[in-house]
C-alpha atoms as a PDB file:
ATOM      1  CA  MET A   1       2.749  -8.986   4.142  1.00  0.00           C
ATOM      2  CA  THR A   2       3.786  -5.129   4.189  1.00  0.00           C
ATOM      3  CA  MET A   3       7.063  -4.286   2.608  1.00  0.00           C
ATOM      4  CA  ALA A   4       8.743  -1.273   1.016  1.00  0.00           C
ATOM      5  CA  ALA A   5       8.965  -1.706  -2.870  1.00  0.00           C
ATOM      6  CA  PRO A   6      11.100  -2.561  -4.888  1.00  0.00           C
ATOM      7  CA  TYR A   7      12.617  -5.372  -2.908  1.00  0.00           C
ATOM      8  CA  ALA A   8      14.092  -8.835  -3.219  1.00  0.00           C
ATOM      9  CA  LEU A   9      12.124 -11.742  -1.683  1.00  0.00           C
ATOM     10  CA  LEU A  10      14.078 -14.404   0.032  1.00  0.00           C
ATOM     11  CA  ILE A  11      11.729 -17.431   0.947  1.00  0.00           C
ATOM     12  CA  ASN A  12      12.456 -19.557   3.934  1.00  0.00           C
ATOM     13  CA  PRO A  13      10.557 -23.190   3.283  1.00  0.00           C
ATOM     14  CA  ASN A  14      11.419 -23.960   6.496  1.00  0.00           C
ATOM     15  CA  SER A  15       8.548 -22.695   9.251  1.00  0.00           C
ATOM     16  CA  SER A  16      11.269 -21.342  11.656  1.00  0.00           C
ATOM     17  CA  GLN A  17      11.035 -17.534  11.950  1.00  0.00           C
ATOM     18  CA  THR A  18      14.501 -17.647  13.544  1.00  0.00           C
ATOM     19  CA  THR A  19      16.065 -19.304  10.572  1.00  0.00           C
ATOM     20  CA  SER A  20      14.411 -16.715   8.540  1.00  0.00           C
ATOM     21  CA  GLU A  21      15.884 -13.753  10.457  1.00  0.00           C
ATOM     22  CA  MET A  22      19.342 -15.230  10.339  1.00  0.00           C
ATOM     23  CA  MET A  23      18.737 -15.806   6.487  1.00  0.00           C
ATOM     24  CA  LEU A  24      17.642 -12.120   6.719  1.00  0.00           C
ATOM     25  CA  ASP A  25      20.477 -10.752   8.160  1.00  0.00           C
ATOM     26  CA  ILE A  26      22.844 -12.851   6.271  1.00  0.00           C
ATOM     27  CA  ALA A  27      21.519 -11.446   3.302  1.00  0.00           C
ATOM     28  CA  ARG A  28      21.171  -7.760   3.494  1.00  0.00           C
ATOM     29  CA  ARG A  29      24.852  -8.012   4.771  1.00  0.00           C
ATOM     30  CA  VAL A  30      25.284  -9.323   1.148  1.00  0.00           C
ATOM     31  CA  ALA A  31      23.589  -6.833  -0.516  1.00  0.00           C
ATOM     32  CA  ASP A  32      25.273  -4.445   1.263  1.00  0.00           C
ATOM     33  CA  GLY A  33      22.276  -1.806  -0.191  1.00  0.00           C
ATOM     34  CA  ARG A  34      22.721  -2.822  -3.276  1.00  0.00           C
ATOM     35  CA  VAL A  35      18.842  -3.784  -3.280  1.00  0.00           C
ATOM     36  CA  ASN A  36      16.246  -4.395  -0.217  1.00  0.00           C
ATOM     37  CA  MET A  37      16.199  -7.372   1.372  1.00  0.00           C
ATOM     38  CA  GLU A  38      13.131  -8.716   2.693  1.00  0.00           C
ATOM     39  CA  VAL A  39      12.147 -12.479   3.897  1.00  0.00           C
ATOM     40  CA  ALA A  40       9.093 -14.386   3.755  1.00  0.00           C
ATOM     41  CA  THR A  41       8.507 -17.531   6.268  1.00  0.00           C
ATOM     42  CA  ALA A  42       6.631 -20.676   5.432  1.00  0.00           C
ATOM     43  CA  THR A  43       3.914 -21.788   7.773  1.00  0.00           C
ATOM     44  CA  ARG A  44       2.844 -25.140   7.038  1.00  0.00           C
ATOM     45  CA  ASN A  45       6.149 -27.063   6.393  1.00  0.00           C
ATOM     46  CA  PRO A  46       8.362 -28.217   9.401  1.00  0.00           C
ATOM     47  CA  THR A  47      10.468 -25.814  11.132  1.00  0.00           C
ATOM     48  CA  MET A  48      13.218 -27.656   9.318  1.00  0.00           C
ATOM     49  CA  ILE A  49      13.104 -29.478   6.142  1.00  0.00           C
ATOM     50  CA  VAL A  50      15.440 -32.850   6.244  1.00  0.00           C
ATOM     51  CA  THR A  51      13.523 -35.247   4.008  1.00  0.00           C
ATOM     52  CA  TYR A  52      12.656 -35.652   0.277  1.00  0.00           C
ATOM     53  CA  GLU A  53       9.186 -35.867   0.866  1.00  0.00           C
ATOM     54  CA  GLN A  54       9.168 -32.455   2.880  1.00  0.00           C
ATOM     55  CA  LEU A  55      11.469 -31.073   0.704  1.00  0.00           C
ATOM     56  CA  GLN A  56       8.799 -31.811  -2.091  1.00  0.00           C
ATOM     57  CA  ALA A  57       5.739 -30.696  -0.234  1.00  0.00           C
ATOM     58  CA  SER A  58       7.282 -27.449   0.544  1.00  0.00           C
ATOM     59  CA  ALA A  59       7.548 -26.165  -2.784  1.00  0.00           C
ATOM     60  CA  LYS A  60       3.534 -25.146  -2.742  1.00  0.00           C
ATOM     61  CA  GLN A  61       3.931 -22.649  -0.127  1.00  0.00           C
ATOM     62  CA  VAL A  62       6.735 -21.401  -1.683  1.00  0.00           C
ATOM     63  CA  ILE A  63       5.142 -20.812  -5.059  1.00  0.00           C
ATOM     64  CA  GLU A  64       2.159 -19.168  -3.284  1.00  0.00           C
ATOM     65  CA  ILE A  65       4.490 -16.993  -1.226  1.00  0.00           C
ATOM     66  CA  ALA A  66       6.319 -15.626  -4.127  1.00  0.00           C
ATOM     67  CA  THR A  67       2.673 -15.411  -6.670  1.00  0.00           C
ATOM     68  CA  GLU A  68       1.631 -13.055  -3.796  1.00  0.00           C
ATOM     69  CA  CYS A  69       4.475 -10.964  -3.988  1.00  0.00           C
ATOM     70  CA  ALA A  70       5.198 -11.208  -7.816  1.00  0.00           C
ATOM     71  CA  THR A  71       3.928  -7.444  -8.308  1.00  0.00           C
ATOM     72  CA  GLN A  72       6.133  -6.226  -5.415  1.00  0.00           C
ATOM     73  CA  CYS A  73       9.218  -7.594  -5.702  1.00  0.00           C
ATOM     74  CA  VAL A  74      11.961  -7.568  -8.166  1.00  0.00           C
ATOM     75  CA  GLY A  75      13.449 -11.280  -7.575  1.00  0.00           C
ATOM     76  CA  VAL A  76      13.181 -14.279  -5.674  1.00  0.00           C
ATOM     77  CA  ILE A  77      15.441 -16.255  -3.560  1.00  0.00           C
ATOM     78  CA  VAL A  78      14.426 -19.814  -2.603  1.00  0.00           C
ATOM     79  CA  SER A  79      16.556 -20.586   0.872  1.00  0.00           C
ATOM     80  CA  ALA A  80      16.036 -24.180   0.908  1.00  0.00           C
ATOM     81  CA  PHE A  81      18.771 -26.514  -0.696  1.00  0.00           C
ATOM     82  CA  GLY A  82      17.065 -28.184  -3.173  1.00  0.00           C
ATOM     83  CA  ASP A  83      15.199 -25.143  -4.616  1.00  0.00           C
ATOM     84  CA  PRO A  84      12.049 -26.668  -4.090  1.00  0.00           C
ATOM     85  CA  GLY A  85       9.352 -24.631  -6.223  1.00  0.00           C
ATOM     86  CA  ALA A  86      12.201 -22.496  -8.096  1.00  0.00           C
ATOM     87  CA  ALA A  87      11.510 -24.157 -11.286  1.00  0.00           C
ATOM     88  CA  THR A  88       7.765 -23.092 -11.451  1.00  0.00           C
ATOM     89  CA  LEU A  89       8.569 -19.792 -10.348  1.00  0.00           C
ATOM     90  CA  LYS A  90      11.261 -19.675 -13.253  1.00  0.00           C
ATOM     91  CA  GLN A  91       8.537 -20.498 -15.409  1.00  0.00           C
ATOM     92  CA  ASN A  92       6.027 -17.882 -14.475  1.00  0.00           C
ATOM     93  CA  LEU A  93       7.240 -15.176 -12.751  1.00  0.00           C
ATOM     94  CA  SER A  94       8.831 -12.141 -14.916  1.00  0.00           C
ATOM     95  CA  VAL A  95      11.185 -11.472 -12.303  1.00  0.00           C
ATOM     96  CA  PRO A  96      14.561 -13.344 -11.797  1.00  0.00           C
ATOM     97  CA  VAL A  97      14.319 -16.194  -9.514  1.00  0.00           C
ATOM     98  CA  ILE A  98      17.535 -18.331  -8.089  1.00  0.00           C
ATOM     99  CA  GLY A  99      17.534 -21.322  -5.396  1.00  0.00           C
ATOM    100  CA  ILE A 100      20.340 -21.538  -2.996  1.00  0.00           C
ATOM    101  CA  CYS A 101      21.103 -24.830  -4.262  1.00  0.00           C
ATOM    102  CA  GLU A 102      21.252 -23.563  -7.823  1.00  0.00           C
ATOM    103  CA  ALA A 103      23.607 -20.645  -6.886  1.00  0.00           C
ATOM    104  CA  SER A 104      25.951 -22.369  -4.905  1.00  0.00           C
ATOM    105  CA  MET A 105      26.409 -24.844  -7.388  1.00  0.00           C
ATOM    106  CA  LEU A 106      27.190 -22.586 -10.136  1.00  0.00           C
ATOM    107  CA  GLU A 107      29.766 -20.364  -7.889  1.00  0.00           C
ATOM    108  CA  ALA A 108      31.230 -23.794  -6.595  1.00  0.00           C
ATOM    109  CA  SER A 109      31.981 -25.072 -10.352  1.00  0.00           C
ATOM    110  CA  ARG A 110      33.327 -22.018 -11.386  1.00  0.00           C
ATOM    111  CA  GLY A 111      36.265 -22.682 -13.639  1.00  0.00           C
ATOM    112  CA  GLY A 112      35.813 -26.177 -13.730  1.00  0.00           C
ATOM    113  CA  ARG A 113      36.211 -26.926 -10.009  1.00  0.00           C
ATOM    114  CA  LYS A 114      35.506 -29.909  -8.489  1.00  0.00           C
ATOM    115  CA  PHE A 115      33.441 -29.798  -5.955  1.00  0.00           C
ATOM    116  CA  ALA A 116      31.458 -31.279  -3.049  1.00  0.00           C
ATOM    117  CA  VAL A 117      28.760 -30.658  -0.458  1.00  0.00           C
ATOM    118  CA  ALA A 118      28.853 -30.914   3.205  1.00  0.00           C
ATOM    119  CA  THR A 119      25.620 -31.169   4.994  1.00  0.00           C
ATOM    120  CA  VAL A 120      23.641 -32.402   7.952  1.00  0.00           C
ATOM    121  CA  THR A 121      20.594 -34.103   5.992  1.00  0.00           C
ATOM    122  CA  PRO A 122      21.490 -37.994   4.850  1.00  0.00           C
ATOM    123  CA  ASP A 123      17.767 -38.123   3.603  1.00  0.00           C
ATOM    124  CA  LEU A 124      18.265 -35.290   1.036  1.00  0.00           C
ATOM    125  CA  ILE A 125      21.498 -36.948  -0.500  1.00  0.00           C
ATOM    126  CA  GLU A 126      19.702 -38.246  -3.472  1.00  0.00           C
ATOM    127  CA  ALA A 127      17.596 -34.409  -4.181  1.00  0.00           C
ATOM    128  CA  ILE A 128      21.151 -32.847  -4.063  1.00  0.00           C
ATOM    129  CA  ASP A 129      22.788 -35.132  -6.453  1.00  0.00           C
ATOM    130  CA  ARG A 130      19.495 -34.820  -8.677  1.00  0.00           C
ATOM    131  CA  ARG A 131      20.270 -31.233  -8.663  1.00  0.00           C
ATOM    132  CA  ALA A 132      23.685 -31.270  -9.846  1.00  0.00           C
ATOM    133  CA  HIS A 133      22.735 -33.315 -12.706  1.00  0.00           C
ATOM    134  CA  GLN A 134      19.744 -31.009 -13.471  1.00  0.00           C
ATOM    135  CA  LEU A 135      22.318 -28.616 -13.619  1.00  0.00           C
ATOM    136  CA  GLY A 136      24.479 -30.341 -15.918  1.00  0.00           C
ATOM    137  CA  LEU A 137      27.305 -30.216 -13.355  1.00  0.00           C
ATOM    138  CA  SER A 138      27.463 -34.269 -12.862  1.00  0.00           C
ATOM    139  CA  GLU A 139      30.626 -34.644 -14.138  1.00  0.00           C
ATOM    140  CA  LEU A 140      32.364 -31.814 -11.496  1.00  0.00           C
ATOM    141  CA  PHE A 141      30.171 -33.278  -8.418  1.00  0.00           C
ATOM    142  CA  MET A 142      31.939 -35.532  -6.327  1.00  0.00           C
ATOM    143  CA  GLY A 143      29.032 -35.879  -3.854  1.00  0.00           C
ATOM    144  CA  THR A 144      27.472 -35.294  -0.531  1.00  0.00           C
ATOM    145  CA  TYR A 145      28.759 -35.611   2.622  1.00  0.00           C
ATOM    146  CA  CYS A 146      26.917 -36.019   5.606  1.00  0.00           C
ATOM    147  CA  THR A 147      27.420 -35.381   9.514  1.00  0.00           C
ATOM    148  CA  ALA A 148      26.569 -38.096  11.885  1.00  0.00           C
ATOM    149  CA  GLY A 149      23.643 -37.877  14.535  1.00  0.00           C
ATOM    150  CA  ASP A 150      19.899 -35.969  14.408  1.00  0.00           C
ATOM    151  CA  PRO A 151      20.111 -33.332  11.744  1.00  0.00           C
ATOM    152  CA  GLU A 152      17.508 -31.438  13.431  1.00  0.00           C
ATOM    153  CA  ILE A 153      19.554 -31.361  16.713  1.00  0.00           C
ATOM    154  CA  LEU A 154      22.813 -30.453  15.228  1.00  0.00           C
ATOM    155  CA  ALA A 155      21.617 -27.369  13.340  1.00  0.00           C
ATOM    156  CA  ASN A 156      20.242 -26.253  16.539  1.00  0.00           C
ATOM    157  CA  ASP A 157      23.495 -26.277  18.453  1.00  0.00           C
ATOM    158  CA  PRO A 158      25.492 -23.596  17.551  1.00  0.00           C
ATOM    159  CA  SER A 159      28.638 -24.348  19.024  1.00  0.00           C
ATOM    160  CA  ARG A 160      28.772 -27.935  17.727  1.00  0.00           C
ATOM    161  CA  LEU A 161      27.314 -27.638  14.164  1.00  0.00           C
ATOM    162  CA  PRO A 162      30.639 -25.680  12.997  1.00  0.00           C
ATOM    163  CA  LYS A 163      33.334 -28.035  14.387  1.00  0.00           C
ATOM    164  CA  GLU A 164      30.992 -31.160  13.053  1.00  0.00           C
ATOM    165  CA  LEU A 165      30.780 -29.772   9.648  1.00  0.00           C
ATOM    166  CA  GLY A 166      34.242 -28.899   9.683  1.00  0.00           C
ATOM    167  CA  LYS A 167      35.300 -32.584  10.123  1.00  0.00           C
ATOM    168  CA  THR A 168      32.559 -33.189   7.124  1.00  0.00           C
ATOM    169  CA  VAL A 169      34.179 -30.533   4.871  1.00  0.00           C
ATOM    170  CA  ARG A 170      38.006 -32.008   5.594  1.00  0.00           C
ATOM    171  CA  ILE A 171      36.674 -35.417   4.363  1.00  0.00           C
ATOM    172  CA  CYS A 172      35.500 -33.500   1.407  1.00  0.00           C
ATOM    173  CA  ILE A 173      38.558 -31.896   0.602  1.00  0.00           C
ATOM    174  CA  ASP A 174      40.737 -35.127   1.024  1.00  0.00           C
ATOM    175  CA  ALA A 175      38.441 -36.751  -1.367  1.00  0.00           C
ATOM    176  CA  GLY A 176      39.389 -34.417  -3.591  1.00  0.00           C
ATOM    177  CA  ALA A 177      37.006 -31.323  -3.824  1.00  0.00           C
ATOM    178  CA  GLU A 178      38.282 -27.975  -4.682  1.00  0.00           C
ATOM    179  CA  ALA A 179      35.604 -26.321  -3.406  1.00  0.00           C
ATOM    180  CA  VAL A 180      32.667 -27.205  -0.692  1.00  0.00           C
ATOM    181  CA  ILE A 181      29.414 -26.279  -0.227  1.00  0.00           C
ATOM    182  CA  ILE A 182      28.201 -25.963   3.134  1.00  0.00           C
ATOM    183  CA  GLY A 183      24.291 -27.359   1.834  1.00  0.00           C
ATOM    184  CA  GLY A 184      21.597 -25.791   3.549  1.00  0.00           C
ATOM    185  CA  GLY A 185      19.853 -22.846   4.732  1.00  0.00           C
ATOM    186  CA  PRO A 186      19.492 -23.248   8.246  1.00  0.00           C
ATOM    187  CA  LEU A 187      23.413 -23.751   8.029  1.00  0.00           C
ATOM    188  CA  GLY A 188      24.095 -20.419   6.414  1.00  0.00           C
ATOM    189  CA  GLN A 189      25.443 -18.944   9.739  1.00  0.00           C
ATOM    190  CA  ALA A 190      27.842 -21.919  10.283  1.00  0.00           C
ATOM    191  CA  ALA A 191      29.418 -21.441   6.253  1.00  0.00           C
ATOM    192  CA  GLU A 192      30.153 -18.090   7.004  1.00  0.00           C
ATOM    193  CA  THR A 193      32.176 -19.482  10.376  1.00  0.00           C
ATOM    194  CA  LEU A 194      33.834 -22.215   8.271  1.00  0.00           C
ATOM    195  CA  GLN A 195      34.968 -19.945   5.249  1.00  0.00           C
ATOM    196  CA  PRO A 196      38.282 -18.673   6.249  1.00  0.00           C
ATOM    197  CA  MET A 197      39.181 -21.573   8.317  1.00  0.00           C
ATOM    198  CA  PHE A 198      40.466 -23.661   4.851  1.00  0.00           C
ATOM    199  CA  GLU A 199      42.462 -23.549   2.361  1.00  0.00           C
ATOM    200  CA  ILE A 200      39.730 -23.938  -0.757  1.00  0.00           C
ATOM    201  CA  PRO A 201      36.893 -22.046  -1.305  1.00  0.00           C
ATOM    202  CA  ILE A 202      33.672 -23.038   0.732  1.00  0.00           C
ATOM    203  CA  ILE A 203      30.749 -21.456  -0.631  1.00  0.00           C
ATOM    204  CA  ALA A 204      27.998 -20.008   1.596  1.00  0.00           C
ATOM    205  CA  PRO A 205      24.555 -20.898  -0.363  1.00  0.00           C
ATOM    206  CA  ILE A 206      22.617 -17.713   0.807  1.00  0.00           C
ATOM    207  CA  SER A 207      25.927 -15.725  -0.029  1.00  0.00           C
ATOM    208  CA  SER A 208      25.958 -17.068  -3.684  1.00  0.00           C
ATOM    209  CA  ALA A 209      22.284 -16.599  -4.554  1.00  0.00           C
ATOM    210  CA  VAL A 210      22.072 -13.071  -3.107  1.00  0.00           C
ATOM    211  CA  GLN A 211      25.035 -12.135  -5.220  1.00  0.00           C
ATOM    212  CA  GLN A 212      24.024 -14.021  -8.462  1.00  0.00           C
ATOM    213  CA  LEU A 213      20.662 -12.447  -8.030  1.00  0.00           C
ATOM    214  CA  ILE A 214      22.118  -8.863  -7.841  1.00  0.00           C
ATOM    215  CA  ASN A 215      23.850  -9.767 -10.769  1.00  0.00           C
ATOM    216  CA  MET A 216      20.843 -10.506 -12.597  1.00  0.00           C
ATOM    217  CA  LEU A 217      18.907  -7.204 -11.634  1.00  0.00           C
ATOM    218  CA  ASP A 218      22.300  -5.396 -12.658  1.00  0.00           C
ATOM    219  CA  ASP A 219      21.463  -6.701 -16.279  1.00  0.00           C
ATOM    220  CA  SER A 220      18.194  -5.637 -16.031  1.00  0.00           C
ATOM    221  CA  LYS A 221      17.090  -1.849 -16.996  1.00  0.00           C
ATOM    222  CA  SER A 222      13.888  -2.066 -15.877  1.00  0.00           C
ATOM    223  CA  PHE A 223      15.113  -3.024 -12.332  1.00  0.00           C
ATOM    224  CA  SER A 224      17.488   0.054 -12.515  1.00  0.00           C
ATOM    225  CA  ARG A 225      15.041   2.474 -13.479  1.00  0.00           C
ATOM    226  CA  ALA A 226      12.471   1.291 -10.754  1.00  0.00           C
ATOM    227  CA  TYR A 227      15.150   1.133  -7.953  1.00  0.00           C
ATOM    228  CA  ARG A 228      16.170   4.420  -8.569  1.00  0.00           C
ATOM    229  CA  ASN A 229      12.587   6.239  -8.654  1.00  0.00           C
ATOM    230  CA  ASN A 230      12.115   4.734  -5.667  1.00  0.00           C
ATOM    231  CA  ASN A 231      15.135   5.800  -3.567  1.00  0.00           C
END
């Protein structure tokens, strides 16, 4: 993997290169030149992670990719909702690590807001609920609401996906949510599409993770020196 150091690495635990390109495009637009963003794509995982078992199994390659790049990158984003491998990387790497689920939940709950997750993967509801508990946000978390039908078919239908997620967002709002997360890396573009359509904050996890990683990097004097010396 050849990349221009220093860079922040976004890891796509799904094995879809198309999804990786979409994620990287979002990340670079949010970063807006404040940090170089690069992407690495898993090769041994499904093209879209839709079950808890797949999410758990994906952590192994996420850890491998991040470890391989650890000496060149200044930070790592794990771009699957559930943050596979992120906890291990936080313990073992010297650079900041953030998962898109963690980042989006922290943003959604800011100021004590009650929040919910709208997504397409019913088999990941338990994992999402567990992540909210791990982050100490159970009292603010109102649950995960899912679209109907096959998640992979829906995620690959760009005309239908925002409409179905929009219906689910409305259910979250009617239930009392003050912010709604669009839960999933492959749903990144749909999240951006939905943001201006509602009266409450619609949280796009990739954008949240990039901004929070940049905030962490801004607090690191070593990053500031390295970035200035290489640009």
